[in-house]
Amino acid sequence: MKIPAVLLLSALTCAFTFNCAAETRTLTLKQALDLALKQNPDLILARLDEQKAREQVRISSDPFSPKVFAGSGLAWAYGFPSSIDGSAPSIVQVRTNMSLYDKAQSYLVAEARETAHGAGIGVEQKRNEVIYSVASAYIDAENDARALEAARQEDSELDRVKQLTQARVEAGQELAHAAAVANVAELDAKHRVTVLDGQLSKAERSLAAVLGMNPGDRVHAADDEVPSLQVPVSEEQAIANALSNSPELRKLSSDLAAKALELKSYKAYRLPKVDLVAQYSLLSKFDNYTEYFQRFQYNNAELGASFSIPLLSGHSAKAYIASSEIDADKIRAQVAQTRTRIQNDIEDAFADFRVADEGRQVALEYLNVTRDSTTQDLARLREGQVLPAQVEQDRADEQTRWRAYYDSLATAEKARLNVLRLTGTLEAALQ
């Protein structure tokens, strides 16, 4: 897929000027993913690399394409009619050449095709990384927005606790220390709002950056339910699927195949080469042709083949072959290392998910207990058994538990995302 030059130009223009006004957009997760797949900078660069690799195939195939050159070899000759390059002086000259048989170059063409194939796998790998980055950043922004709202509610409740406590102190029903404690709690809540507000701003700018938006732009997570993500049941099957479908392993396999073709091309340097040779010349009599040749004709053509067999290739050929074999061995080592890392990463991801999901359940139980306490204190308030300040404190505690639950929920969702990313099923799960 060609990357439109207008898109790149507009992105660069906005990046290096201050005329692009920052904006805040509210997007669903699906809208964010669609936007990122169109204009994420890393994905655009990967696609450009793929385009460049495909153009390299055309460059490598060029020796097998006929090339025609037209010009003039017109010259004044004194004595035998010959020009500087060895051809006869001519009014018009047309030459063509192309390779008919060059095994080494054929292997280089095959290598370029395999490299282009590997670049396509690289785009797929980068696409998966971008999808994970967007989903993870979206969950962070969504969680920070919820946490900020809960912190504001907590600050509001603690402000009422402070006012009620201050009134009781002034009425002589509480010690002055109680007012100081309530004031510190409210100040702490207000500071927490400031911290979470900055955290939300940072998360929304990070999300906008992943989407390829302009500097300073922010993306607010819409109040839209994130698709339910199901983690593979069998860890062993997930590992097997990941090892067979991993874009990283497929890219390394493609690199190894390309390196094998490069090695064959070096070994094929000793094989003969055959080139097509064709030339047409329009001659003139004023260049002494009649004085040196018995017969003269204006139109002259030549068509044939040029054969060349390398006799001595020098020391570099062996060095190139040895270098390619070393590179191939390095890739094989990387394949083994990557397979081990993928298996370990998946096992760690499943373990992290189980811990995170357990933490989410614990946070939910804490939240339910706190909500029950608030409900009970409301009933006791109506019966005059507790003070209003106690109910307001219960509500503030409930908001604290809500923030803890949101954090645990985000941690569990990101752990689930990581499992799906490593098993190669994230994009399908988000559809």
Protein backbone atom coordinates (compact mmCIF):
# COMPACT_ATOMS: atom_id res chain seq x y z
CA MET A 1 0.00 0.00 0.00
CA LYS A 2 1.42 3.36 -1.04
CA ILE A 3 1.70 6.00 1.66
CA PRO A 4 0.18 9.26 0.32
CA ALA A 5 2.77 12.01 0.17
CA VAL A 6 0.12 14.56 1.21
CA LEU A 7 -0.45 12.69 4.49
CA LEU A 8 3.25 12.68 5.33
CA LEU A 9 3.65 16.32 4.34
CA SER A 10 0.73 17.46 6.47
CA ALA A 11 1.98 15.46 9.46
CA LEU A 12 5.46 16.94 9.18
CA THR A 13 4.10 20.44 8.66
CA CYS A 14 2.02 20.25 11.82
CA ALA A 15 4.87 18.70 13.78
CA PHE A 16 7.33 21.50 13.02
CA THR A 17 5.03 24.51 13.17
CA PHE A 18 2.99 26.02 15.96
CA ASN A 19 -0.04 26.79 13.81
CA CYS A 20 -1.78 23.47 14.46
CA ALA A 21 -4.07 24.25 17.39
CA ALA A 22 -4.22 21.51 20.03
CA GLU A 23 -7.56 19.79 20.32
CA THR A 24 -9.24 17.23 22.55
CA ARG A 25 -11.20 14.49 20.82
CA THR A 26 -13.51 11.95 22.40
CA LEU A 27 -13.12 8.55 20.77
CA THR A 28 -14.28 5.00 21.34
CA LEU A 29 -11.68 2.26 21.38
CA LYS A 30 -12.67 1.14 17.88
CA GLN A 31 -12.37 4.69 16.54
CA ALA A 32 -8.98 5.06 18.21
CA LEU A 33 -7.75 1.79 16.67
CA ASP A 34 -8.99 2.76 13.19
CA LEU A 35 -7.23 6.12 13.44
CA ALA A 36 -3.98 4.58 14.69
CA LEU A 37 -3.88 2.03 11.86
CA LYS A 38 -4.11 4.91 9.40
CA GLN A 39 -1.62 7.40 10.80
CA ASN A 40 0.50 5.91 13.59
CA PRO A 41 4.06 7.17 12.86
CA ASP A 42 5.77 3.84 13.58
CA LEU A 43 3.32 1.97 11.36
CA ILE A 44 3.80 4.49 8.56
CA LEU A 45 7.58 4.03 8.78
CA ALA A 46 7.18 0.24 8.65
CA ARG A 47 5.02 0.55 5.52
CA LEU A 48 7.59 2.83 3.93
CA ASP A 49 10.28 0.25 4.66
CA GLU A 50 8.11 -2.35 2.96
CA GLN A 51 7.69 -0.10 -0.09
CA LYS A 52 11.43 0.45 -0.22
CA ALA A 53 12.04 -3.32 -0.05
CA ARG A 54 9.63 -3.88 -2.94
CA GLU A 55 11.41 -1.25 -5.00
CA GLN A 56 14.69 -3.05 -4.26
CA VAL A 57 13.25 -6.09 -6.07
CA ARG A 58 12.90 -3.96 -9.21
CA ILE A 59 16.45 -2.66 -8.79
CA SER A 60 17.85 -6.18 -8.43
CA SER A 61 15.90 -7.33 -11.51
CA ASP A 62 17.18 -4.45 -13.62
CA PRO A 63 20.13 -6.33 -15.23
CA PHE A 64 17.62 -8.74 -16.81
CA SER A 65 15.65 -5.89 -18.40
CA PRO A 66 16.71 -4.58 -21.84
CA LYS A 67 18.14 -1.07 -21.89
CA VAL A 68 18.41 0.92 -25.11
CA PHE A 69 20.77 3.88 -25.58
CA ALA A 70 20.67 6.16 -28.60
CA GLY A 71 23.19 8.82 -29.52
CA SER A 72 25.85 9.77 -32.00
CA GLY A 73 29.41 8.65 -32.44
CA LEU A 74 30.09 11.34 -35.02
CA ALA A 75 33.77 12.26 -35.10
CA TRP A 76 36.49 13.44 -37.46
CA ALA A 77 39.05 10.69 -38.04
CA TYR A 78 42.56 11.00 -39.43
CA GLY A 79 43.78 7.68 -40.68
CA PHE A 80 41.99 4.50 -39.69
CA PRO A 81 38.27 5.20 -38.85
CA SER A 82 37.91 4.40 -35.15
CA SER A 83 36.47 6.33 -32.23
CA ILE A 84 37.76 6.61 -28.69
CA ASP A 85 35.57 3.78 -27.31
CA GLY A 86 36.62 1.40 -30.12
CA SER A 87 33.46 1.66 -32.22
CA ALA A 88 33.45 3.08 -35.70
CA PRO A 89 32.54 6.80 -36.00
CA SER A 90 28.81 7.02 -36.84
CA ILE A 91 26.12 9.59 -37.43
CA VAL A 92 23.56 7.70 -35.31
CA GLN A 93 24.21 4.82 -32.93
CA VAL A 94 21.71 2.68 -30.98
CA ARG A 95 22.89 0.10 -28.45
CA THR A 96 21.10 -2.31 -26.12
CA ASN A 97 22.27 -4.77 -23.52
CA MET A 98 20.80 -7.06 -20.87
CA SER A 99 21.77 -10.14 -18.93
CA LEU A 100 20.51 -13.43 -20.34
CA TYR A 101 22.06 -15.73 -17.76
CA ASP A 102 23.54 -14.59 -14.45
CA LYS A 103 22.90 -17.09 -11.67
CA ALA A 104 24.45 -14.90 -8.99
CA GLN A 105 22.17 -12.00 -9.90
CA SER A 106 19.16 -14.33 -10.03
CA TYR A 107 19.82 -15.31 -6.43
CA LEU A 108 20.06 -11.63 -5.51
CA VAL A 109 16.65 -11.04 -7.09
CA ALA A 110 15.22 -13.92 -5.06
CA GLU A 111 16.86 -12.49 -1.95
CA ALA A 112 15.27 -9.10 -2.59
CA ARG A 113 11.87 -10.74 -2.95
CA GLU A 114 12.33 -12.61 0.32
CA THR A 115 13.45 -9.39 2.01
CA ALA A 116 10.30 -7.66 0.74
CA HIS A 117 8.28 -10.57 2.13
CA GLY A 118 10.03 -10.13 5.47
CA ALA A 119 9.28 -6.40 5.40
CA GLY A 120 5.60 -7.26 4.97
CA ILE A 121 5.80 -9.46 8.06
CA GLY A 122 7.50 -6.54 9.82
CA VAL A 123 4.47 -4.38 9.01
CA GLU A 124 2.21 -7.03 10.51
CA GLN A 125 4.39 -7.18 13.62
CA LYS A 126 4.35 -3.39 13.98
CA ARG A 127 0.58 -3.39 13.43
CA ASN A 128 0.15 -5.79 16.37
CA GLU A 129 2.39 -3.61 18.53
CA VAL A 130 0.40 -0.50 17.64
CA ILE A 131 -2.92 -2.20 18.44
CA TYR A 132 -1.58 -3.24 21.85
CA SER A 133 -0.17 0.24 22.53
CA VAL A 134 -3.46 1.92 21.62
CA ALA A 135 -5.60 -0.47 23.68
CA SER A 136 -3.25 -0.17 26.67
CA ALA A 137 -3.10 3.64 26.45
CA TYR A 138 -6.89 3.78 26.05
CA ILE A 139 -7.40 1.71 29.22
CA ASP A 140 -4.99 4.01 31.08
CA ALA A 141 -6.86 7.12 29.93
CA GLU A 142 -10.22 5.57 30.78
CA ASN A 143 -9.03 4.47 34.22
CA ASP A 144 -7.47 7.85 35.01
CA ALA A 145 -10.72 9.63 34.04
CA ARG A 146 -12.74 7.39 36.35
CA ALA A 147 -10.20 7.74 39.15
CA LEU A 148 -10.26 11.54 38.82
CA GLU A 149 -14.05 11.62 39.04
CA ALA A 150 -13.95 9.39 42.14
CA ALA A 151 -11.26 11.61 43.70
CA ARG A 152 -13.38 14.69 43.09
CA GLN A 153 -16.35 12.99 44.75
CA GLU A 154 -14.09 12.02 47.66
CA ASP A 155 -12.85 15.62 47.98
CA SER A 156 -16.42 16.86 47.99
CA GLU A 157 -17.44 14.38 50.70
CA LEU A 158 -14.39 15.19 52.85
CA ASP A 159 -15.08 18.91 52.47
CA ARG A 160 -18.53 18.32 53.96
CA VAL A 161 -16.92 16.24 56.74
CA LYS A 162 -14.60 19.16 57.47
CA GLN A 163 -17.48 21.62 57.62
CA LEU A 164 -19.60 19.38 59.87
CA THR A 165 -16.63 18.67 62.16
CA GLN A 166 -15.77 22.37 62.36
CA ALA A 167 -19.36 23.15 63.35
CA ARG A 168 -19.24 20.56 66.15
CA VAL A 169 -15.88 21.97 67.36
CA GLU A 170 -17.32 25.47 67.44
CA ALA A 171 -20.30 24.11 69.35
CA GLY A 172 -17.97 22.49 71.87
CA GLN A 173 -19.03 18.96 70.89
CA GLU A 174 -15.65 17.98 69.43
CA LEU A 175 -12.04 18.69 70.24
CA ALA A 176 -10.10 21.09 68.02
CA HIS A 177 -7.87 18.17 67.01
CA ALA A 178 -10.82 16.58 65.18
CA ALA A 179 -11.14 19.68 62.99
CA ALA A 180 -7.41 19.58 62.23
CA VAL A 181 -7.66 15.90 61.22
CA ALA A 182 -10.63 16.60 58.95
CA ASN A 183 -8.84 19.56 57.39
CA VAL A 184 -5.71 17.49 56.62
CA ALA A 185 -7.84 14.73 55.09
CA GLU A 186 -9.57 17.26 52.82
CA LEU A 187 -6.25 18.84 51.82
CA ASP A 188 -4.89 15.39 50.98
CA ALA A 189 -7.97 14.67 48.86
CA LYS A 190 -7.60 17.99 47.04
CA HIS A 191 -3.92 17.22 46.33
CA ARG A 192 -4.95 13.80 45.03
CA VAL A 193 -7.33 15.51 42.58
CA THR A 194 -4.47 17.68 41.33
CA VAL A 195 -2.20 14.66 40.89
CA LEU A 196 -4.83 12.60 39.07
CA ASP A 197 -5.78 15.55 36.86
CA GLY A 198 -2.14 15.81 35.70
CA GLN A 199 -1.99 12.04 35.30
CA LEU A 200 -5.12 12.07 33.12
CA SER A 201 -3.70 14.87 30.97
CA LYS A 202 -0.51 12.90 30.45
CA ALA A 203 -2.41 9.70 29.62
CA GLU A 204 -4.65 11.47 27.08
CA ARG A 205 -1.67 13.14 25.39
CA SER A 206 0.13 9.78 25.25
CA LEU A 207 -2.91 8.21 23.64
CA ALA A 208 -3.06 11.02 21.07
CA ALA A 209 0.64 10.53 20.28
CA VAL A 210 0.10 6.80 19.63
CA LEU A 211 -2.74 7.73 17.28
CA GLY A 212 -0.39 9.96 15.29
CA MET A 213 -2.17 13.20 16.21
CA ASN A 214 -0.52 16.61 16.51
CA PRO A 215 1.67 17.64 19.47
CA GLY A 216 -0.46 18.86 22.38
CA ASP A 217 -3.61 17.04 21.22
CA ARG A 218 -5.52 14.92 23.72
CA VAL A 219 -7.86 11.96 23.30
CA HIS A 220 -10.59 11.43 25.87
CA ALA A 221 -11.87 7.87 26.25
CA ALA A 222 -15.57 7.79 25.41
CA ASP A 223 -18.08 6.31 27.83
CA ASP A 224 -18.19 3.18 25.72
CA GLU A 225 -17.85 -0.36 26.98
CA VAL A 226 -14.58 -2.01 26.01
CA PRO A 227 -15.14 -5.39 24.29
CA SER A 228 -14.97 -8.34 26.66
CA LEU A 229 -11.59 -9.96 26.12
CA GLN A 230 -11.42 -13.71 26.62
CA VAL A 231 -8.03 -15.15 27.54
CA PRO A 232 -7.17 -18.56 26.00
CA VAL A 233 -8.09 -21.31 28.45
CA SER A 234 -5.07 -23.54 27.82
CA GLU A 235 -1.67 -22.01 28.50
CA GLU A 236 0.06 -24.88 26.68
CA GLN A 237 -2.06 -24.41 23.57
CA ALA A 238 -1.45 -20.67 23.68
CA ILE A 239 2.30 -21.28 23.72
CA ALA A 240 2.05 -23.71 20.80
CA ASN A 241 -0.04 -21.25 18.74
CA ALA A 242 2.30 -18.37 19.53
CA LEU A 243 5.38 -20.33 18.48
CA SER A 244 3.78 -21.31 15.18
CA ASN A 245 2.19 -17.94 14.33
CA SER A 246 4.57 -15.40 15.89
CA PRO A 247 5.35 -12.60 13.40
CA GLU A 248 8.73 -12.18 15.07
CA LEU A 249 9.67 -15.80 14.42
CA ARG A 250 8.29 -15.63 10.87
CA LYS A 251 10.35 -12.50 10.26
CA LEU A 252 13.50 -14.26 11.49
CA SER A 253 12.71 -17.25 9.26
CA SER A 254 12.36 -14.87 6.32
CA ASP A 255 15.67 -13.22 7.20
CA LEU A 256 17.31 -16.66 7.34
CA ALA A 257 15.89 -17.59 3.91
CA ALA A 258 17.13 -14.29 2.46
CA LYS A 259 20.57 -14.88 3.93
CA ALA A 260 20.65 -18.39 2.38
CA LEU A 261 19.89 -16.88 -1.03
CA GLU A 262 22.63 -14.31 -0.51
CA LEU A 263 25.05 -17.14 0.29
CA LYS A 264 24.05 -18.95 -2.92
CA SER A 265 24.66 -15.77 -4.92
CA TYR A 266 28.23 -15.54 -3.61
CA LYS A 267 28.86 -19.18 -4.45
CA ALA A 268 27.46 -18.62 -7.96
CA TYR A 269 30.09 -15.98 -8.82
CA ARG A 270 32.21 -18.73 -10.40
CA LEU A 271 29.46 -19.64 -12.89
CA PRO A 272 29.56 -18.24 -16.45
CA LYS A 273 27.50 -15.17 -17.42
CA VAL A 274 25.75 -14.53 -20.72
CA ASP A 275 24.76 -11.02 -21.84
CA LEU A 276 22.83 -9.90 -24.91
CA VAL A 277 24.79 -7.55 -27.21
CA ALA A 278 23.02 -5.55 -29.93
CA GLN A 279 24.02 -2.39 -31.79
CA TYR A 280 22.98 -0.37 -34.84
CA SER A 281 25.15 2.32 -36.51
CA LEU A 282 24.52 4.75 -39.36
CA LEU A 283 27.91 5.47 -40.97
CA SER A 284 29.13 8.17 -43.36
CA LYS A 285 31.81 8.09 -46.11
CA PHE A 286 33.78 11.12 -44.95
CA ASP A 287 35.53 9.11 -42.20
CA ASN A 288 37.99 7.37 -44.58
CA TYR A 289 36.00 4.11 -44.72
CA THR A 290 36.53 3.75 -48.50
CA GLU A 291 40.29 4.04 -48.10
CA TYR A 292 40.55 1.12 -45.68
CA PHE A 293 37.60 -1.13 -46.62
CA GLN A 294 36.72 -2.62 -50.03
CA ARG A 295 32.99 -2.26 -49.48
CA PHE A 296 31.01 0.47 -47.65
CA GLN A 297 27.36 0.48 -46.44
CA TYR A 298 25.46 3.08 -44.47
CA ASN A 299 23.38 0.81 -42.20
CA ASN A 300 25.21 -1.61 -39.93
CA ALA A 301 23.82 -3.88 -37.18
CA GLU A 302 25.23 -6.36 -34.73
CA LEU A 303 23.36 -8.94 -32.60
CA GLY A 304 24.94 -11.57 -30.41
CA ALA A 305 25.81 -12.78 -26.96
CA SER A 306 28.73 -12.08 -24.71
CA PHE A 307 30.10 -14.93 -22.59
CA SER A 308 32.34 -14.46 -19.58
CA ILE A 309 33.77 -17.06 -17.22
CA PRO A 310 35.53 -15.90 -14.03
CA LEU A 311 38.88 -17.61 -13.68
CA LEU A 312 40.20 -15.98 -10.53
CA SER A 313 37.68 -14.48 -8.12
CA GLY A 314 40.19 -13.27 -5.55
CA HIS A 315 40.04 -13.65 -1.78
CA SER A 316 36.89 -11.58 -1.27
CA ALA A 317 34.54 -14.31 -2.52
CA LYS A 318 35.51 -16.69 0.30
CA ALA A 319 35.28 -13.85 2.79
CA TYR A 320 31.76 -12.95 1.60
CA ILE A 321 30.68 -16.60 1.87
CA ALA A 322 32.12 -16.91 5.39
CA SER A 323 30.46 -13.65 6.43
CA SER A 324 27.05 -14.82 5.16
CA GLU A 325 27.41 -18.15 6.97
CA ILE A 326 28.19 -16.29 10.21
CA ASP A 327 25.12 -14.07 9.75
CA ALA A 328 22.98 -17.17 9.14
CA ASP A 329 24.30 -18.78 12.33
CA LYS A 330 23.47 -15.60 14.26
CA ILE A 331 19.90 -15.66 12.94
CA ARG A 332 19.52 -19.31 13.95
CA ALA A 333 20.71 -18.39 17.44
CA GLN A 334 18.20 -15.53 17.52
CA VAL A 335 15.41 -17.93 16.51
CA ALA A 336 16.23 -20.25 19.41
CA GLN A 337 16.52 -17.30 21.79
CA THR A 338 13.23 -15.81 20.60
CA ARG A 339 11.36 -19.10 20.96
CA THR A 340 12.55 -19.38 24.57
CA ARG A 341 11.64 -15.76 25.29
CA ILE A 342 8.15 -16.10 23.77
CA GLN A 343 7.42 -19.18 25.89
CA ASN A 344 8.69 -17.48 29.05
CA ASP A 345 6.77 -14.28 28.27
CA ILE A 346 3.50 -16.16 27.80
CA GLU A 347 3.97 -18.12 31.03
CA ASP A 348 4.73 -14.85 32.87
CA ALA A 349 1.76 -13.12 31.21
CA PHE A 350 -0.64 -15.87 32.33
CA ALA A 351 0.76 -15.69 35.86
CA ASP A 352 0.44 -11.88 35.91
CA PHE A 353 -3.12 -12.13 34.63
CA ARG A 354 -4.11 -14.60 37.34
CA VAL A 355 -2.62 -12.33 40.03
CA ALA A 356 -4.24 -9.21 38.52
CA ASP A 357 -7.65 -10.86 38.21
CA GLU A 358 -7.43 -12.05 41.80
CA GLY A 359 -6.53 -8.50 42.85
CA ARG A 360 -9.57 -7.21 40.95
CA GLN A 361 -11.83 -9.62 42.82
CA VAL A 362 -10.34 -8.58 46.18
CA ALA A 363 -10.81 -4.89 45.36
CA LEU A 364 -14.42 -5.59 44.36
CA GLU A 365 -15.07 -7.35 47.67
CA TYR A 366 -13.57 -4.42 49.58
CA LEU A 367 -15.80 -2.06 47.59
CA ASN A 368 -18.92 -4.12 48.36
CA VAL A 369 -18.09 -4.20 52.08
CA THR A 370 -17.58 -0.42 52.13
CA ARG A 371 -20.84 0.19 50.28
CA ASP A 372 -22.67 -2.02 52.79
CA SER A 373 -21.15 0.01 55.62
CA THR A 374 -22.37 3.22 54.01
CA THR A 375 -25.87 1.76 53.63
CA GLN A 376 -25.92 0.67 57.28
CA ASP A 377 -24.70 4.06 58.52
CA LEU A 378 -27.39 5.80 56.44
CA ALA A 379 -30.00 3.70 58.21
CA ARG A 380 -28.41 4.45 61.59
CA LEU A 381 -28.32 8.17 60.70
CA ARG A 382 -32.07 8.17 60.21
CA GLU A 383 -32.38 6.62 63.66
CA GLY A 384 -30.00 9.20 65.13
CA GLN A 385 -27.36 6.61 66.06
CA VAL A 386 -24.50 8.18 64.03
CA LEU A 387 -23.52 11.70 63.09
CA PRO A 388 -23.81 13.10 59.51
CA ALA A 389 -20.03 13.45 59.42
CA GLN A 390 -19.71 9.68 59.78
CA VAL A 391 -21.92 9.13 56.72
CA GLU A 392 -19.92 11.62 54.70
CA GLN A 393 -16.73 9.85 55.77
CA ASP A 394 -18.27 6.53 54.66
CA ARG A 395 -19.02 8.02 51.26
CA ALA A 396 -15.46 9.33 50.97
CA ASP A 397 -14.13 5.88 51.89
CA GLU A 398 -16.39 4.39 49.24
CA GLN A 399 -14.85 6.66 46.59
CA THR A 400 -11.39 5.54 47.76
CA ARG A 401 -12.47 1.94 47.23
CA TRP A 402 -13.87 2.84 43.83
CA ARG A 403 -10.46 4.23 42.82
CA ALA A 404 -8.75 1.08 44.08
CA TYR A 405 -11.21 -1.04 42.11
CA TYR A 406 -10.68 0.99 38.94
CA ASP A 407 -6.91 0.57 39.30
CA SER A 408 -7.23 -3.19 39.80
CA LEU A 409 -9.65 -3.42 36.87
CA ALA A 410 -7.22 -1.56 34.59
CA THR A 411 -4.35 -3.76 35.74
CA ALA A 412 -6.36 -6.89 34.99
CA GLU A 413 -7.44 -5.58 31.57
CA LYS A 414 -3.86 -4.72 30.62
CA ALA A 415 -2.68 -8.14 31.80
CA ARG A 416 -5.37 -9.68 29.61
CA LEU A 417 -4.26 -7.51 26.68
CA ASN A 418 -0.69 -8.70 27.15
CA VAL A 419 -1.74 -12.36 27.03
CA LEU A 420 -3.72 -11.79 23.83
CA ARG A 421 -0.84 -9.80 22.30
CA LEU A 422 1.68 -12.54 22.97
CA THR A 423 -0.64 -15.23 21.62
CA GLY A 424 -1.37 -13.23 18.46
CA THR A 425 -5.13 -12.99 19.04
CA LEU A 426 -5.49 -9.39 20.23
CA GLU A 427 -6.74 -7.83 17.00
CA ALA A 428 -9.40 -10.52 16.54
CA ALA A 429 -10.49 -10.13 20.18
CA LEU A 430 -10.96 -6.37 19.78
CA GLN A 431 -13.16 -6.65 16.69
